[in-house]
Amino acid sequence: MKKKIAVIFLLLLAFLFTYELNTHYFLKKFYPLKYQDYVIYYAEEYGVDPYLIFAVIKVESNFNNNAVSSRDAIGLMQILPQTGNWIAEKIGIKDYKKNLLFDPKYNIQMGTWYLAYLLKNFDGNLQLAIAAYNGGCGNVDLWLKDKRFSKNGKQLHNIPFPETDHYIKKVLSVYQIYKFIYEKKN
C-alpha cells in the first residue's frame, strides 16, 4: 500500500512539474519579452518595474512598433505626437519628429520616462498613474477632486471614462501575468 501511495505521489509530482513548465512555456508565447534590452535599460534608468512596461506595451500595441491608434497615438507605447514632443523636451531629445515614435528605442525610452513621471506625480499610486497614461493627468486630477469619483481625493473609486476604467483593469491584469510568469521565486 505504501508503494502505491509513493508511486501515485511521484506521478502527481511529475505531472505538476510538467504542468508548471508547460504553463509557463505556453504563457510566454502570449506574453513575450520583446524589446527586452530597451525595456530593461530604461526601466532601470527611470526606476519603473520592467513588467509594468511590458504590460503597457502588450495592452497598447501588442508589441507592434508600427501601431497607430484612431487618435494618432504611435508606436509600442502609443504616445501621442504632442505628448512625445513634450517628453522629448523634458529628456533632451533633439530634433524630435513624430516619426521618432515608431522607433522602439525612442518609444520605450519616452513611454518609460512618462510612466515614471506619472508615478512620481501620483505618489507611486499605480492605479492613478495608469489612469493618467490613458485618460490624461488633467482628467485624473479633476476626478480626484470630485466626490462622485473619489471619496478621499487620493484613490479613484469610480472612473467616468469606461475606456480608462477598462484600460486600468487590463494593464493591471497583464502586469500581474508578467510578474507571475517571469518573476524569480525565492
C-alpha atoms as a PDB file:
ATOM      1  CA  MET A   1       0.000   0.000   0.000  1.00  0.00           C
ATOM      2  CA  LYS A   2       2.835   2.415   0.859  1.00  0.00           C
ATOM      3  CA  LYS A   3       4.478   1.708  -2.515  1.00  0.00           C
ATOM      4  CA  LYS A   4       1.223   2.545  -4.352  1.00  0.00           C
ATOM      5  CA  ILE A   5       0.920   5.812  -2.458  1.00  0.00           C
ATOM      6  CA  ALA A   6       4.565   6.637  -3.170  1.00  0.00           C
ATOM      7  CA  VAL A   7       4.113   5.886  -6.897  1.00  0.00           C
ATOM      8  CA  ILE A   8       0.933   7.965  -7.061  1.00  0.00           C
ATOM      9  CA  PHE A   9       2.670  10.771  -5.219  1.00  0.00           C
ATOM     10  CA  LEU A  10       5.637  10.681  -7.623  1.00  0.00           C
ATOM     11  CA  LEU A  11       3.320  10.627 -10.647  1.00  0.00           C
ATOM     12  CA  LEU A  12       1.381  13.563  -9.250  1.00  0.00           C
ATOM     13  CA  LEU A  13       4.598  15.439  -8.578  1.00  0.00           C
ATOM     14  CA  ALA A  14       5.863  14.717 -12.121  1.00  0.00           C
ATOM     15  CA  PHE A  15       2.527  15.883 -13.550  1.00  0.00           C
ATOM     16  CA  LEU A  16       2.602  19.119 -11.550  1.00  0.00           C
ATOM     17  CA  PHE A  17       6.210  19.802 -12.536  1.00  0.00           C
ATOM     18  CA  THR A  18       5.433  19.192 -16.218  1.00  0.00           C
ATOM     19  CA  TYR A  19       2.276  21.295 -15.976  1.00  0.00           C
ATOM     20  CA  GLU A  20       4.198  24.171 -14.404  1.00  0.00           C
ATOM     21  CA  LEU A  21       6.862  24.086 -17.134  1.00  0.00           C
ATOM     22  CA  ASN A  22       4.319  23.849 -19.940  1.00  0.00           C
ATOM     23  CA  THR A  23       2.091  26.545 -18.452  1.00  0.00           C
ATOM     24  CA  HIS A  24       4.959  28.991 -18.330  1.00  0.00           C
ATOM     25  CA  TYR A  25       6.122  27.978 -21.794  1.00  0.00           C
ATOM     26  CA  PHE A  26       2.621  28.498 -23.183  1.00  0.00           C
ATOM     27  CA  LEU A  27       2.112  31.811 -21.380  1.00  0.00           C
ATOM     28  CA  LYS A  28       5.471  33.126 -22.564  1.00  0.00           C
ATOM     29  CA  LYS A  29       4.268  32.776 -26.151  1.00  0.00           C
ATOM     30  CA  PHE A  30       1.340  35.121 -25.431  1.00  0.00           C
ATOM     31  CA  TYR A  31       3.227  37.407 -23.043  1.00  0.00           C
ATOM     32  CA  PRO A  32       6.688  37.782 -24.576  1.00  0.00           C
ATOM     33  CA  LEU A  33       9.599  39.955 -23.526  1.00  0.00           C
ATOM     34  CA  LYS A  34      10.114  41.610 -26.897  1.00  0.00           C
ATOM     35  CA  TYR A  35      12.441  44.622 -26.932  1.00  0.00           C
ATOM     36  CA  GLN A  36      13.776  43.347 -23.607  1.00  0.00           C
ATOM     37  CA  ASP A  37      17.106  45.194 -23.874  1.00  0.00           C
ATOM     38  CA  TYR A  38      15.417  48.590 -24.233  1.00  0.00           C
ATOM     39  CA  VAL A  39      12.791  47.841 -21.609  1.00  0.00           C
ATOM     40  CA  ILE A  40      15.316  46.691 -19.009  1.00  0.00           C
ATOM     41  CA  TYR A  41      17.681  49.575 -19.728  1.00  0.00           C
ATOM     42  CA  TYR A  42      15.052  52.319 -19.465  1.00  0.00           C
ATOM     43  CA  ALA A  43      13.257  50.617 -16.574  1.00  0.00           C
ATOM     44  CA  GLU A  44      16.498  50.825 -14.597  1.00  0.00           C
ATOM     45  CA  GLU A  45      17.269  54.359 -15.773  1.00  0.00           C
ATOM     46  CA  TYR A  46      13.858  55.732 -14.777  1.00  0.00           C
ATOM     47  CA  GLY A  47      13.045  53.425 -11.870  1.00  0.00           C
ATOM     48  CA  VAL A  48      10.000  51.676 -13.301  1.00  0.00           C
ATOM     49  CA  ASP A  49       9.185  47.978 -12.933  1.00  0.00           C
ATOM     50  CA  PRO A  50      10.008  46.412 -16.332  1.00  0.00           C
ATOM     51  CA  TYR A  51       6.964  44.131 -16.056  1.00  0.00           C
ATOM     52  CA  LEU A  52       4.770  47.236 -15.941  1.00  0.00           C
ATOM     53  CA  ILE A  53       6.404  48.483 -19.131  1.00  0.00           C
ATOM     54  CA  PHE A  54       5.868  45.117 -20.826  1.00  0.00           C
ATOM     55  CA  ALA A  55       2.228  45.187 -19.675  1.00  0.00           C
ATOM     56  CA  VAL A  56       1.653  48.666 -21.103  1.00  0.00           C
ATOM     57  CA  ILE A  57       3.272  47.681 -24.408  1.00  0.00           C
ATOM     58  CA  LYS A  58       1.218  44.466 -24.577  1.00  0.00           C
ATOM     59  CA  VAL A  59      -2.039  46.318 -23.923  1.00  0.00           C
ATOM     60  CA  GLU A  60      -1.257  49.375 -26.050  1.00  0.00           C
ATOM     61  CA  SER A  61       0.174  47.828 -29.209  1.00  0.00           C
ATOM     62  CA  ASN A  62       0.706  44.104 -28.660  1.00  0.00           C
ATOM     63  CA  PHE A  63       4.382  44.778 -29.487  1.00  0.00           C
ATOM     64  CA  ASN A  64       3.619  46.311 -32.912  1.00  0.00           C
ATOM     65  CA  ASN A  65       6.043  49.217 -33.248  1.00  0.00           C
ATOM     66  CA  ASN A  66       4.110  50.483 -36.305  1.00  0.00           C
ATOM     67  CA  ALA A  67       0.783  50.709 -34.463  1.00  0.00           C
ATOM     68  CA  VAL A  68      -1.209  53.922 -34.867  1.00  0.00           C
ATOM     69  CA  SER A  69      -4.456  54.422 -32.970  1.00  0.00           C
ATOM     70  CA  SER A  70      -7.572  56.184 -34.177  1.00  0.00           C
ATOM     71  CA  ARG A  71      -6.448  59.129 -32.002  1.00  0.00           C
ATOM     72  CA  ASP A  72      -2.996  59.173 -33.680  1.00  0.00           C
ATOM     73  CA  ALA A  73      -1.119  57.587 -30.757  1.00  0.00           C
ATOM     74  CA  ILE A  74       2.004  55.998 -32.199  1.00  0.00           C
ATOM     75  CA  GLY A  75       4.264  53.032 -31.622  1.00  0.00           C
ATOM     76  CA  LEU A  76       4.759  50.402 -28.965  1.00  0.00           C
ATOM     77  CA  MET A  77       3.599  52.514 -26.028  1.00  0.00           C
ATOM     78  CA  GLN A  78       1.079  54.515 -28.087  1.00  0.00           C
ATOM     79  CA  ILE A  79       2.380  58.009 -27.456  1.00  0.00           C
ATOM     80  CA  LEU A  80       0.503  60.988 -28.872  1.00  0.00           C
ATOM     81  CA  PRO A  81       2.772  63.195 -31.034  1.00  0.00           C
ATOM     82  CA  GLN A  82       2.215  66.290 -28.845  1.00  0.00           C
ATOM     83  CA  THR A  83       2.961  64.258 -25.688  1.00  0.00           C
ATOM     84  CA  GLY A  84       6.055  62.925 -27.443  1.00  0.00           C
ATOM     85  CA  ASN A  85       7.167  66.475 -28.195  1.00  0.00           C
ATOM     86  CA  TRP A  86       6.725  67.457 -24.524  1.00  0.00           C
ATOM     87  CA  ILE A  87       8.612  64.356 -23.322  1.00  0.00           C
ATOM     88  CA  ALA A  88      11.409  64.934 -25.861  1.00  0.00           C
ATOM     89  CA  GLU A  89      11.912  68.452 -24.478  1.00  0.00           C
ATOM     90  CA  LYS A  90      11.963  67.142 -20.890  1.00  0.00           C
ATOM     91  CA  ILE A  91      14.534  64.412 -21.538  1.00  0.00           C
ATOM     92  CA  GLY A  92      16.663  66.301 -24.053  1.00  0.00           C
ATOM     93  CA  ILE A  93      15.900  64.522 -27.320  1.00  0.00           C
ATOM     94  CA  LYS A  94      16.997  66.955 -30.026  1.00  0.00           C
ATOM     95  CA  ASP A  95      15.234  67.318 -33.383  1.00  0.00           C
ATOM     96  CA  TYR A  96      12.084  65.483 -32.253  1.00  0.00           C
ATOM     97  CA  LYS A  97       9.852  64.417 -35.118  1.00  0.00           C
ATOM     98  CA  LYS A  98       6.623  62.454 -34.888  1.00  0.00           C
ATOM     99  CA  ASN A  99       8.179  59.547 -36.835  1.00  0.00           C
ATOM    100  CA  LEU A 100      10.658  59.019 -33.990  1.00  0.00           C
ATOM    101  CA  LEU A 101       7.763  57.412 -32.095  1.00  0.00           C
ATOM    102  CA  PHE A 102       7.871  54.427 -34.478  1.00  0.00           C
ATOM    103  CA  ASP A 103      11.425  53.640 -33.337  1.00  0.00           C
ATOM    104  CA  PRO A 104      11.211  51.086 -30.480  1.00  0.00           C
ATOM    105  CA  LYS A 105      14.226  52.551 -28.661  1.00  0.00           C
ATOM    106  CA  TYR A 106      12.829  56.077 -28.501  1.00  0.00           C
ATOM    107  CA  ASN A 107       9.248  54.980 -27.933  1.00  0.00           C
ATOM    108  CA  ILE A 108      10.209  52.806 -24.981  1.00  0.00           C
ATOM    109  CA  GLN A 109      12.515  55.494 -23.598  1.00  0.00           C
ATOM    110  CA  MET A 110       9.809  58.146 -23.831  1.00  0.00           C
ATOM    111  CA  GLY A 111       6.973  55.931 -22.621  1.00  0.00           C
ATOM    112  CA  THR A 112       9.010  54.682 -19.666  1.00  0.00           C
ATOM    113  CA  TRP A 113      10.048  58.203 -18.692  1.00  0.00           C
ATOM    114  CA  TYR A 114       6.398  59.247 -18.888  1.00  0.00           C
ATOM    115  CA  LEU A 115       5.294  56.338 -16.688  1.00  0.00           C
ATOM    116  CA  ALA A 116       7.984  57.310 -14.158  1.00  0.00           C
ATOM    117  CA  TYR A 117       6.771  60.913 -14.298  1.00  0.00           C
ATOM    118  CA  LEU A 118       3.164  59.842 -13.709  1.00  0.00           C
ATOM    119  CA  LEU A 119       4.107  57.509 -10.852  1.00  0.00           C
ATOM    120  CA  LYS A 120       6.033  60.331  -9.196  1.00  0.00           C
ATOM    121  CA  ASN A 121       3.215  62.810  -9.864  1.00  0.00           C
ATOM    122  CA  PHE A 122       0.704  60.479  -8.194  1.00  0.00           C
ATOM    123  CA  ASP A 123       2.959  59.433  -5.282  1.00  0.00           C
ATOM    124  CA  GLY A 124       3.581  55.938  -6.624  1.00  0.00           C
ATOM    125  CA  ASN A 125      -0.132  55.155  -6.963  1.00  0.00           C
ATOM    126  CA  LEU A 126      -0.198  52.641  -9.809  1.00  0.00           C
ATOM    127  CA  GLN A 127      -3.940  52.965 -10.487  1.00  0.00           C
ATOM    128  CA  LEU A 128      -3.733  56.743 -10.843  1.00  0.00           C
ATOM    129  CA  ALA A 129      -0.584  56.633 -12.995  1.00  0.00           C
ATOM    130  CA  ILE A 130      -2.155  54.105 -15.357  1.00  0.00           C
ATOM    131  CA  ALA A 131      -5.396  56.114 -15.467  1.00  0.00           C
ATOM    132  CA  ALA A 132      -3.393  59.232 -16.358  1.00  0.00           C
ATOM    133  CA  TYR A 133      -1.398  57.354 -19.018  1.00  0.00           C
ATOM    134  CA  ASN A 134      -4.694  56.570 -20.735  1.00  0.00           C
ATOM    135  CA  GLY A 135      -7.032  59.406 -19.763  1.00  0.00           C
ATOM    136  CA  GLY A 136      -4.646  62.268 -19.095  1.00  0.00           C
ATOM    137  CA  CYS A 137      -3.267  63.854 -15.923  1.00  0.00           C
ATOM    138  CA  GLY A 138      -5.746  66.697 -16.033  1.00  0.00           C
ATOM    139  CA  ASN A 139      -8.699  64.342 -16.029  1.00  0.00           C
ATOM    140  CA  VAL A 140      -7.307  62.278 -13.155  1.00  0.00           C
ATOM    141  CA  ASP A 141      -6.707  65.459 -11.132  1.00  0.00           C
ATOM    142  CA  LEU A 142     -10.322  66.545 -11.745  1.00  0.00           C
ATOM    143  CA  TRP A 143     -11.681  63.100 -10.842  1.00  0.00           C
ATOM    144  CA  LEU A 144      -9.751  63.095  -7.564  1.00  0.00           C
ATOM    145  CA  LYS A 145     -11.436  66.395  -6.591  1.00  0.00           C
ATOM    146  CA  ASP A 146     -14.917  65.106  -7.419  1.00  0.00           C
ATOM    147  CA  LYS A 147     -16.723  63.136  -4.661  1.00  0.00           C
ATOM    148  CA  ARG A 148     -18.555  61.108  -7.340  1.00  0.00           C
ATOM    149  CA  PHE A 149     -15.240  59.578  -8.399  1.00  0.00           C
ATOM    150  CA  SER A 150     -13.022  59.814  -5.317  1.00  0.00           C
ATOM    151  CA  LYS A 151     -14.187  59.530  -1.724  1.00  0.00           C
ATOM    152  CA  ASN A 152     -10.868  60.626  -0.253  1.00  0.00           C
ATOM    153  CA  GLY A 153      -9.097  62.606  -3.003  1.00  0.00           C
ATOM    154  CA  LYS A 154      -6.320  60.007  -3.125  1.00  0.00           C
ATOM    155  CA  GLN A 155      -7.873  56.987  -4.841  1.00  0.00           C
ATOM    156  CA  LEU A 156     -10.411  56.651  -7.642  1.00  0.00           C
ATOM    157  CA  HIS A 157     -13.490  54.698  -6.616  1.00  0.00           C
ATOM    158  CA  ASN A 158     -15.395  55.327  -9.821  1.00  0.00           C
ATOM    159  CA  ILE A 159     -13.905  56.214 -13.193  1.00  0.00           C
ATOM    160  CA  PRO A 160     -16.175  58.179 -15.531  1.00  0.00           C
ATOM    161  CA  PHE A 161     -14.427  57.088 -18.740  1.00  0.00           C
ATOM    162  CA  PRO A 162     -15.344  53.428 -19.402  1.00  0.00           C
ATOM    163  CA  GLU A 163     -12.342  53.109 -21.727  1.00  0.00           C
ATOM    164  CA  THR A 164      -9.967  54.260 -18.975  1.00  0.00           C
ATOM    165  CA  ASP A 165     -11.627  52.017 -16.390  1.00  0.00           C
ATOM    166  CA  HIS A 166     -11.221  49.023 -18.708  1.00  0.00           C
ATOM    167  CA  TYR A 167      -7.649  50.072 -19.535  1.00  0.00           C
ATOM    168  CA  ILE A 168      -6.604  50.206 -15.879  1.00  0.00           C
ATOM    169  CA  LYS A 169      -8.043  46.759 -15.195  1.00  0.00           C
ATOM    170  CA  LYS A 170      -6.428  45.291 -18.290  1.00  0.00           C
ATOM    171  CA  VAL A 171      -2.963  46.756 -17.650  1.00  0.00           C
ATOM    172  CA  LEU A 172      -3.019  45.680 -14.002  1.00  0.00           C
ATOM    173  CA  SER A 173      -4.125  42.181 -15.009  1.00  0.00           C
ATOM    174  CA  VAL A 174      -1.443  41.834 -17.689  1.00  0.00           C
ATOM    175  CA  TYR A 175       1.105  43.264 -15.238  1.00  0.00           C
ATOM    176  CA  GLN A 176       0.254  40.509 -12.748  1.00  0.00           C
ATOM    177  CA  ILE A 177       0.547  37.887 -15.502  1.00  0.00           C
ATOM    178  CA  TYR A 178       4.026  39.148 -16.433  1.00  0.00           C
ATOM    179  CA  LYS A 179       5.083  39.029 -12.802  1.00  0.00           C
ATOM    180  CA  PHE A 180       3.642  35.501 -12.427  1.00  0.00           C
ATOM    181  CA  ILE A 181       5.478  34.203 -15.496  1.00  0.00           C
ATOM    182  CA  TYR A 182       8.849  35.883 -15.173  1.00  0.00           C
ATOM    183  CA  GLU A 183       9.483  36.963 -11.602  1.00  0.00           C
ATOM    184  CA  LYS A 184      12.023  34.799  -9.854  1.00  0.00           C
ATOM    185  CA  LYS A 185      10.509  32.977  -6.915  1.00  0.00           C
ATOM    186  CA  ASN A 186      12.752  32.707  -3.850  1.00  0.00           C
END
